[in-house]
């Protein structure tokens, strides 16, 4: 499973979501209107990245259930 390219892509997508989440949360803690706008933009990016990650997970599960290696 760890040599499956799709699995590696899924893990990378999940890590990307986690990084965006941490950056967004850390930006919420800073003062200023510009930081608030940046935090909101990062959270929108997180939602998009999370959507892609979920689609990749579903694709991975679908392919594995079909017997694909």
N, C-alpha and C. Protein backbone atom coordinates (compact mmCIF):
# COMPACT_ATOMS: atom_id res chain seq x y z
N UNK A 1 0.83 -1.19 0.00
CA UNK A 1 0.00 0.00 0.00
C UNK A 1 0.88 1.26 0.00
N UNK A 2 2.01 1.23 0.69
CA UNK A 2 2.85 2.42 0.76
C UNK A 2 3.58 2.69 -0.55
N UNK A 3 3.58 1.74 -1.46
CA UNK A 3 4.20 1.96 -2.76
C UNK A 3 3.17 2.36 -3.82
N UNK A 4 1.89 2.39 -3.45
CA UNK A 4 0.83 2.77 -4.37
C UNK A 4 0.88 4.29 -4.60
N UNK A 5 1.05 4.73 -5.85
CA UNK A 5 1.16 6.17 -6.12
C UNK A 5 -0.09 6.95 -5.69
N UNK A 6 -1.26 6.36 -5.86
CA UNK A 6 -2.49 7.07 -5.45
C UNK A 6 -2.53 7.25 -3.93
N UNK A 7 -2.06 6.25 -3.19
CA UNK A 7 -2.02 6.36 -1.74
C UNK A 7 -1.09 7.50 -1.32
N UNK A 8 0.04 7.61 -1.98
CA UNK A 8 1.00 8.68 -1.67
C UNK A 8 0.38 10.04 -1.98
N UNK A 9 -0.36 10.13 -3.07
CA UNK A 9 -1.05 11.39 -3.41
C UNK A 9 -2.10 11.73 -2.37
N UNK A 10 -2.84 10.73 -1.90
CA UNK A 10 -3.86 10.95 -0.87
C UNK A 10 -3.21 11.46 0.41
N UNK A 11 -2.11 10.85 0.82
CA UNK A 11 -1.41 11.28 2.03
C UNK A 11 -0.90 12.71 1.86
N UNK A 12 -0.34 13.02 0.69
CA UNK A 12 0.15 14.38 0.43
C UNK A 12 -1.00 15.39 0.48
N UNK A 13 -2.16 15.03 -0.06
CA UNK A 13 -3.31 15.93 -0.02
C UNK A 13 -3.76 16.17 1.41
N UNK A 14 -3.79 15.11 2.22
CA UNK A 14 -4.19 15.26 3.63
C UNK A 14 -3.19 16.12 4.40
N UNK A 15 -1.91 15.92 4.14
CA UNK A 15 -0.89 16.76 4.78
C UNK A 15 -1.02 18.22 4.34
N UNK A 16 -1.34 18.42 3.07
CA UNK A 16 -1.56 19.78 2.58
C UNK A 16 -2.72 20.46 3.29
N UNK A 17 -3.79 19.73 3.51
CA UNK A 17 -4.94 20.27 4.25
C UNK A 17 -4.52 20.64 5.67
N UNK A 18 -3.74 19.78 6.30
CA UNK A 18 -3.29 20.04 7.67
C UNK A 18 -2.41 21.29 7.74
N UNK A 19 -1.52 21.45 6.76
CA UNK A 19 -0.64 22.63 6.74
C UNK A 19 -1.46 23.91 6.56
N UNK A 20 -2.40 23.88 5.63
CA UNK A 20 -3.24 25.05 5.40
C UNK A 20 -4.05 25.38 6.66
N UNK A 21 -4.55 24.35 7.34
CA UNK A 21 -5.32 24.55 8.56
C UNK A 21 -4.46 25.21 9.63
N UNK A 22 -3.25 24.73 9.83
CA UNK A 22 -2.37 25.30 10.85
C UNK A 22 -2.03 26.75 10.51
N UNK A 23 -1.74 27.01 9.24
CA UNK A 23 -1.44 28.39 8.84
C UNK A 23 -2.63 29.31 9.07
N UNK A 24 -3.82 28.83 8.73
CA UNK A 24 -5.02 29.64 8.93
C UNK A 24 -5.31 29.92 10.38
N UNK A 25 -5.17 28.91 11.22
CA UNK A 25 -5.43 29.10 12.65
C UNK A 25 -4.40 30.03 13.27
N UNK A 26 -3.13 29.89 12.86
CA UNK A 26 -2.10 30.77 13.41
C UNK A 26 -2.31 32.22 12.97
N UNK A 27 -2.87 32.42 11.79
CA UNK A 27 -3.13 33.78 11.32
C UNK A 27 -4.31 34.40 12.05
N UNK A 28 -5.28 33.58 12.47
CA UNK A 28 -6.42 34.11 13.23
C UNK A 28 -5.96 34.75 14.54
N UNK A 29 -4.88 34.26 15.12
CA UNK A 29 -4.41 34.77 16.40
C UNK A 29 -3.70 36.10 16.32
N UNK A 30 -3.37 36.56 15.13
CA UNK A 30 -2.66 37.83 14.97
C UNK A 30 -3.65 38.98 14.82
N UNK A 31 -3.23 40.13 15.26
CA UNK A 31 -4.08 41.32 15.20
C UNK A 31 -4.01 41.97 13.82
N UNK A 32 -5.04 42.71 13.49
CA UNK A 32 -5.05 43.48 12.25
C UNK A 32 -6.06 42.96 11.25
N UNK A 33 -6.59 43.90 10.49
CA UNK A 33 -7.60 43.56 9.49
C UNK A 33 -7.01 42.72 8.36
N UNK A 34 -5.78 43.02 8.00
CA UNK A 34 -5.14 42.28 6.90
C UNK A 34 -4.95 40.81 7.27
N UNK A 35 -4.60 40.55 8.52
CA UNK A 35 -4.44 39.16 8.96
C UNK A 35 -5.78 38.43 8.99
N UNK A 36 -6.85 39.13 9.32
CA UNK A 36 -8.17 38.52 9.29
C UNK A 36 -8.57 38.11 7.89
N UNK A 37 -8.28 38.99 6.92
CA UNK A 37 -8.58 38.67 5.53
C UNK A 37 -7.74 37.48 5.05
N UNK A 38 -6.48 37.47 5.47
CA UNK A 38 -5.60 36.36 5.07
C UNK A 38 -6.07 35.05 5.69
N UNK A 39 -6.49 35.10 6.95
CA UNK A 39 -6.97 33.89 7.62
C UNK A 39 -8.22 33.35 6.92
N UNK A 40 -9.12 34.24 6.55
CA UNK A 40 -10.33 33.81 5.85
C UNK A 40 -9.99 33.21 4.48
N UNK A 41 -9.04 33.80 3.79
CA UNK A 41 -8.62 33.26 2.49
C UNK A 41 -8.00 31.88 2.67
N UNK A 42 -7.19 31.71 3.70
CA UNK A 42 -6.59 30.40 3.96
C UNK A 42 -7.65 29.36 4.30
N UNK A 43 -8.68 29.76 5.02
CA UNK A 43 -9.74 28.81 5.36
C UNK A 43 -10.55 28.42 4.11
N UNK A 44 -10.71 29.34 3.17
CA UNK A 44 -11.38 28.99 1.91
C UNK A 44 -10.51 28.02 1.11
N UNK A 45 -9.20 28.26 1.11
CA UNK A 45 -8.29 27.33 0.45
C UNK A 45 -8.34 25.96 1.12
N UNK A 46 -8.48 25.94 2.44
CA UNK A 46 -8.55 24.67 3.17
C UNK A 46 -9.78 23.88 2.74
N UNK A 47 -10.90 24.57 2.59
CA UNK A 47 -12.12 23.88 2.18
C UNK A 47 -11.95 23.26 0.80
N UNK A 48 -11.34 24.00 -0.12
CA UNK A 48 -11.11 23.48 -1.47
C UNK A 48 -10.14 22.30 -1.43
N UNK A 49 -9.07 22.42 -0.66
CA UNK A 49 -8.10 21.34 -0.55
C UNK A 49 -8.72 20.12 0.12
N UNK A 50 -9.56 20.36 1.10
CA UNK A 50 -10.23 19.26 1.79
C UNK A 50 -11.18 18.52 0.83
N UNK A 51 -11.86 19.26 -0.01
CA UNK A 51 -12.75 18.66 -1.00
C UNK A 51 -11.96 17.75 -1.94
N UNK A 52 -10.83 18.25 -2.42
CA UNK A 52 -9.98 17.45 -3.30
C UNK A 52 -9.47 16.21 -2.58
N UNK A 53 -9.06 16.37 -1.32
CA UNK A 53 -8.55 15.24 -0.55
C UNK A 53 -9.63 14.17 -0.36
N UNK A 54 -10.85 14.59 -0.08
CA UNK A 54 -11.94 13.63 0.10
C UNK A 54 -12.24 12.90 -1.21
N UNK A 55 -12.23 13.62 -2.32
CA UNK A 55 -12.44 12.97 -3.62
C UNK A 55 -11.34 11.95 -3.91
N UNK A 56 -10.10 12.29 -3.58
CA UNK A 56 -9.00 11.35 -3.79
C UNK A 56 -9.13 10.12 -2.90
N UNK A 57 -9.57 10.32 -1.67
CA UNK A 57 -9.78 9.18 -0.76
C UNK A 57 -10.87 8.27 -1.32
N UNK A 58 -11.96 8.87 -1.78
CA UNK A 58 -13.04 8.06 -2.36
C UNK A 58 -12.57 7.31 -3.61
N UNK A 59 -11.77 7.96 -4.43
CA UNK A 59 -11.22 7.30 -5.62
C UNK A 59 -10.32 6.14 -5.21
N UNK A 60 -9.48 6.36 -4.21
CA UNK A 60 -8.59 5.31 -3.73
C UNK A 60 -9.39 4.10 -3.22
N UNK A 61 -10.42 4.36 -2.42
CA UNK A 61 -11.23 3.27 -1.88
C UNK A 61 -11.96 2.55 -3.01
N UNK A 62 -12.49 3.30 -3.97
CA UNK A 62 -13.20 2.69 -5.09
C UNK A 62 -12.27 1.77 -5.89
N UNK A 63 -11.09 2.26 -6.20
CA UNK A 63 -10.14 1.45 -6.98
C UNK A 63 -9.71 0.21 -6.20
N UNK A 64 -9.47 0.35 -4.91
CA UNK A 64 -9.06 -0.79 -4.09
C UNK A 64 -10.18 -1.83 -3.99
N UNK A 65 -11.42 -1.39 -3.91
CA UNK A 65 -12.54 -2.34 -3.82
C UNK A 65 -12.77 -3.07 -5.14
N UNK A 66 -12.37 -2.44 -6.24
CA UNK A 66 -12.51 -3.07 -7.54
C UNK A 66 -11.40 -4.09 -7.78
N UNK A 67 -10.47 -4.19 -6.88
CA UNK A 67 -9.38 -5.15 -7.02
C UNK A 67 -8.14 -4.58 -7.67
N UNK A 68 -8.12 -3.26 -7.86
CA UNK A 68 -6.95 -2.64 -8.45
C UNK A 68 -5.78 -2.60 -7.50
N UNK A 69 -4.61 -2.76 -8.01
CA UNK A 69 -3.41 -2.73 -7.16
C UNK A 69 -2.81 -1.39 -7.31
